[in-house]
Amino acid sequence: QVQLVESGGGLVQPGGSLRLSCVASGSFSSLWVVGWYRQAPERRLELVGTISSSNTTRYLSSVKGRFTVAADSAKNEVYLQMTSLKPEGTAVYYCNVVELDPERVEIWGQGTQVTVSS
């Protein structure tokens, strides 16, 4: 059973940067998709960005050019690099892994709080 541990959240000023990390323990499929989601108070869960095992990335339009999702396979890590953060980026950020082979299995991280405020 794969487990995910997230880290890297915190308080940052508008315009600042943060790097969130999602490390997976245990063995898992060679075919997967990792998504970073966020949920602000009283708002719906929002998909921020994804990366697949083929290294294809996709982003929410409002974060394109500012956020980067990347994977370090040697560390079993997927990270979310966030730059030029805005106050509306304040949320709990979650990583989500969907394994696709041999069957679909979905795992969530515990979430990490990001607060963008002066």
C-alpha atoms as a PDB file:
ATOM      1  CA  GLN A   1       0.000   0.000   0.000  1.00  0.00           C
ATOM      2  CA  VAL A   2       1.445   3.301  -1.086  1.00  0.00           C
ATOM      3  CA  GLN A   3       1.500   6.109   1.470  1.00  0.00           C
ATOM      4  CA  LEU A   4       2.053   9.770   0.758  1.00  0.00           C
ATOM      5  CA  VAL A   5       3.744  12.333   2.958  1.00  0.00           C
ATOM      6  CA  GLU A   6       3.425  15.997   2.107  1.00  0.00           C
ATOM      7  CA  SER A   7       5.589  18.812   3.353  1.00  0.00           C
ATOM      8  CA  GLY A   8       6.605  22.353   2.540  1.00  0.00           C
ATOM      9  CA  GLY A   9       3.590  24.448   3.421  1.00  0.00           C
ATOM     10  CA  GLY A  10       3.760  27.606   5.475  1.00  0.00           C
ATOM     11  CA  LEU A  11       3.260  31.335   5.546  1.00  0.00           C
ATOM     12  CA  VAL A  12       4.595  33.380   2.662  1.00  0.00           C
ATOM     13  CA  GLN A  13       4.171  36.981   1.591  1.00  0.00           C
ATOM     14  CA  PRO A  14       2.410  37.858  -1.657  1.00  0.00           C
ATOM     15  CA  GLY A  15       4.873  37.502  -4.495  1.00  0.00           C
ATOM     16  CA  GLY A  16       6.849  34.886  -2.624  1.00  0.00           C
ATOM     17  CA  SER A  17       7.598  31.260  -3.413  1.00  0.00           C
ATOM     18  CA  LEU A  18       7.056  27.877  -1.810  1.00  0.00           C
ATOM     19  CA  ARG A  19       7.910  24.336  -2.791  1.00  0.00           C
ATOM     20  CA  LEU A  20       5.556  21.582  -1.722  1.00  0.00           C
ATOM     21  CA  SER A  21       6.771  18.012  -1.656  1.00  0.00           C
ATOM     22  CA  CYS A  22       4.862  14.749  -1.914  1.00  0.00           C
ATOM     23  CA  VAL A  23       6.903  11.640  -1.204  1.00  0.00           C
ATOM     24  CA  ALA A  24       5.515   8.173  -1.826  1.00  0.00           C
ATOM     25  CA  SER A  25       6.573   5.147   0.187  1.00  0.00           C
ATOM     26  CA  GLY A  26       6.046   1.593  -0.945  1.00  0.00           C
ATOM     27  CA  SER A  27       6.048   0.137  -4.390  1.00  0.00           C
ATOM     28  CA  PHE A  28       3.593   1.363  -6.960  1.00  0.00           C
ATOM     29  CA  SER A  29       2.609   1.123 -10.571  1.00  0.00           C
ATOM     30  CA  SER A  30       4.773   2.349 -13.420  1.00  0.00           C
ATOM     31  CA  LEU A  31       1.633   3.979 -14.857  1.00  0.00           C
ATOM     32  CA  TRP A  32       0.350   6.818 -12.713  1.00  0.00           C
ATOM     33  CA  VAL A  33      -0.908  10.358 -12.510  1.00  0.00           C
ATOM     34  CA  VAL A  34      -0.176  12.712  -9.627  1.00  0.00           C
ATOM     35  CA  GLY A  35      -2.355  15.727  -9.039  1.00  0.00           C
ATOM     36  CA  TRP A  36      -1.973  18.680  -6.733  1.00  0.00           C
ATOM     37  CA  TYR A  37      -5.284  19.978  -5.424  1.00  0.00           C
ATOM     38  CA  ARG A  38      -6.152  22.826  -3.124  1.00  0.00           C
ATOM     39  CA  GLN A  39      -9.121  23.764  -1.036  1.00  0.00           C
ATOM     40  CA  ALA A  40      -9.631  27.245   0.330  1.00  0.00           C
ATOM     41  CA  PRO A  41     -12.094  27.919   3.158  1.00  0.00           C
ATOM     42  CA  GLU A  42     -15.680  27.605   1.958  1.00  0.00           C
ATOM     43  CA  ARG A  43     -14.568  26.761  -1.566  1.00  0.00           C
ATOM     44  CA  ARG A  44     -14.581  23.603  -3.624  1.00  0.00           C
ATOM     45  CA  LEU A  45     -11.578  21.369  -4.091  1.00  0.00           C
ATOM     46  CA  GLU A  46      -9.629  22.652  -7.095  1.00  0.00           C
ATOM     47  CA  LEU A  47      -7.148  20.808  -9.288  1.00  0.00           C
ATOM     48  CA  VAL A  48      -4.009  22.925  -9.592  1.00  0.00           C
ATOM     49  CA  GLY A  49      -1.733  20.775 -11.688  1.00  0.00           C
ATOM     50  CA  THR A  50      -0.946  17.228 -12.728  1.00  0.00           C
ATOM     51  CA  ILE A  51       1.962  15.168 -13.931  1.00  0.00           C
ATOM     52  CA  SER A  52       1.798  11.729 -15.458  1.00  0.00           C
ATOM     53  CA  SER A  53       4.283   8.881 -15.612  1.00  0.00           C
ATOM     54  CA  SER A  54       4.982   9.980 -19.202  1.00  0.00           C
ATOM     55  CA  ASN A  55       6.014  13.373 -17.750  1.00  0.00           C
ATOM     56  CA  THR A  56       3.062  15.216 -19.243  1.00  0.00           C
ATOM     57  CA  THR A  57       1.994  18.183 -17.139  1.00  0.00           C
ATOM     58  CA  ARG A  58      -1.187  20.244 -17.061  1.00  0.00           C
ATOM     59  CA  TYR A  59      -2.128  23.290 -15.033  1.00  0.00           C
ATOM     60  CA  LEU A  60      -5.070  25.309 -13.882  1.00  0.00           C
ATOM     61  CA  SER A  61      -5.131  28.376 -16.117  1.00  0.00           C
ATOM     62  CA  SER A  62      -4.771  30.807 -13.221  1.00  0.00           C
ATOM     63  CA  VAL A  63      -1.445  29.268 -12.130  1.00  0.00           C
ATOM     64  CA  LYS A  64       0.163  28.685 -15.530  1.00  0.00           C
ATOM     65  CA  GLY A  65       3.571  30.251 -15.711  1.00  0.00           C
ATOM     66  CA  ARG A  66       3.783  30.532 -11.923  1.00  0.00           C
ATOM     67  CA  PHE A  67       3.461  26.928 -10.712  1.00  0.00           C
ATOM     68  CA  THR A  68       5.500  23.934 -11.818  1.00  0.00           C
ATOM     69  CA  VAL A  69       4.804  20.267 -11.123  1.00  0.00           C
ATOM     70  CA  ALA A  70       7.764  17.932 -11.490  1.00  0.00           C
ATOM     71  CA  ALA A  71       8.775  14.429 -10.469  1.00  0.00           C
ATOM     72  CA  ASP A  72      12.014  13.064  -9.100  1.00  0.00           C
ATOM     73  CA  SER A  73      11.742   9.335  -9.622  1.00  0.00           C
ATOM     74  CA  ALA A  74      14.915   8.581  -7.688  1.00  0.00           C
ATOM     75  CA  LYS A  75      13.293  10.072  -4.588  1.00  0.00           C
ATOM     76  CA  ASN A  76       9.736   8.912  -5.310  1.00  0.00           C
ATOM     77  CA  GLU A  77       8.849  12.552  -5.033  1.00  0.00           C
ATOM     78  CA  VAL A  78       6.537  14.871  -6.869  1.00  0.00           C
ATOM     79  CA  TYR A  79       6.816  18.530  -6.014  1.00  0.00           C
ATOM     80  CA  LEU A  80       4.847  21.668  -6.678  1.00  0.00           C
ATOM     81  CA  GLN A  81       6.989  24.745  -7.087  1.00  0.00           C
ATOM     82  CA  MET A  82       4.900  27.866  -6.575  1.00  0.00           C
ATOM     83  CA  THR A  83       6.144  31.333  -7.428  1.00  0.00           C
ATOM     84  CA  SER A  84       4.543  34.780  -7.490  1.00  0.00           C
ATOM     85  CA  LEU A  85       2.041  33.606  -4.940  1.00  0.00           C
ATOM     86  CA  LYS A  86      -1.156  35.560  -4.471  1.00  0.00           C
ATOM     87  CA  PRO A  87      -3.449  35.783  -1.416  1.00  0.00           C
ATOM     88  CA  GLU A  88      -6.032  33.711  -3.274  1.00  0.00           C
ATOM     89  CA  GLY A  89      -3.508  30.894  -3.210  1.00  0.00           C
ATOM     90  CA  THR A  90      -4.209  30.454   0.495  1.00  0.00           C
ATOM     91  CA  ALA A  91      -5.545  26.932   0.899  1.00  0.00           C
ATOM     92  CA  VAL A  92      -4.798  23.436   2.076  1.00  0.00           C
ATOM     93  CA  TYR A  93      -2.867  21.706  -0.686  1.00  0.00           C
ATOM     94  CA  TYR A  94      -3.195  17.976  -1.251  1.00  0.00           C
ATOM     95  CA  CYS A  95      -1.336  15.562  -3.467  1.00  0.00           C
ATOM     96  CA  ASN A  96      -3.253  12.740  -5.044  1.00  0.00           C
ATOM     97  CA  VAL A  97      -1.785   9.684  -6.750  1.00  0.00           C
ATOM     98  CA  VAL A  98      -3.814   7.568  -9.130  1.00  0.00           C
ATOM     99  CA  GLU A  99      -2.208   4.294 -10.058  1.00  0.00           C
ATOM    100  CA  LEU A 100      -3.524   2.881 -13.310  1.00  0.00           C
ATOM    101  CA  ASP A 101      -1.908  -0.528 -13.659  1.00  0.00           C
ATOM    102  CA  PRO A 102      -2.921  -3.272 -13.000  1.00  0.00           C
ATOM    103  CA  GLU A 103      -5.961  -1.581 -11.502  1.00  0.00           C
ATOM    104  CA  ARG A 104      -6.995   1.910 -10.574  1.00  0.00           C
ATOM    105  CA  VAL A 105      -5.969   2.839  -7.054  1.00  0.00           C
ATOM    106  CA  GLU A 106      -6.254   6.359  -5.634  1.00  0.00           C
ATOM    107  CA  ILE A 107      -4.317   7.680  -2.653  1.00  0.00           C
ATOM    108  CA  TRP A 108      -4.427  11.093  -0.975  1.00  0.00           C
ATOM    109  CA  GLY A 109      -1.814  12.892   1.051  1.00  0.00           C
ATOM    110  CA  GLN A 110      -2.643  14.462   4.390  1.00  0.00           C
ATOM    111  CA  GLY A 111      -2.600  18.021   3.096  1.00  0.00           C
ATOM    112  CA  THR A 112      -0.394  20.977   3.911  1.00  0.00           C
ATOM    113  CA  GLN A 113      -1.494  24.517   4.680  1.00  0.00           C
ATOM    114  CA  VAL A 114      -0.286  27.372   2.517  1.00  0.00           C
ATOM    115  CA  THR A 115      -1.053  30.901   3.673  1.00  0.00           C
ATOM    116  CA  VAL A 116      -0.238  33.865   1.466  1.00  0.00           C
ATOM    117  CA  SER A 117      -0.433  37.023   3.502  1.00  0.00           C
ATOM    118  CA  SER A 118       1.528  40.122   4.377  1.00  0.00           C
END
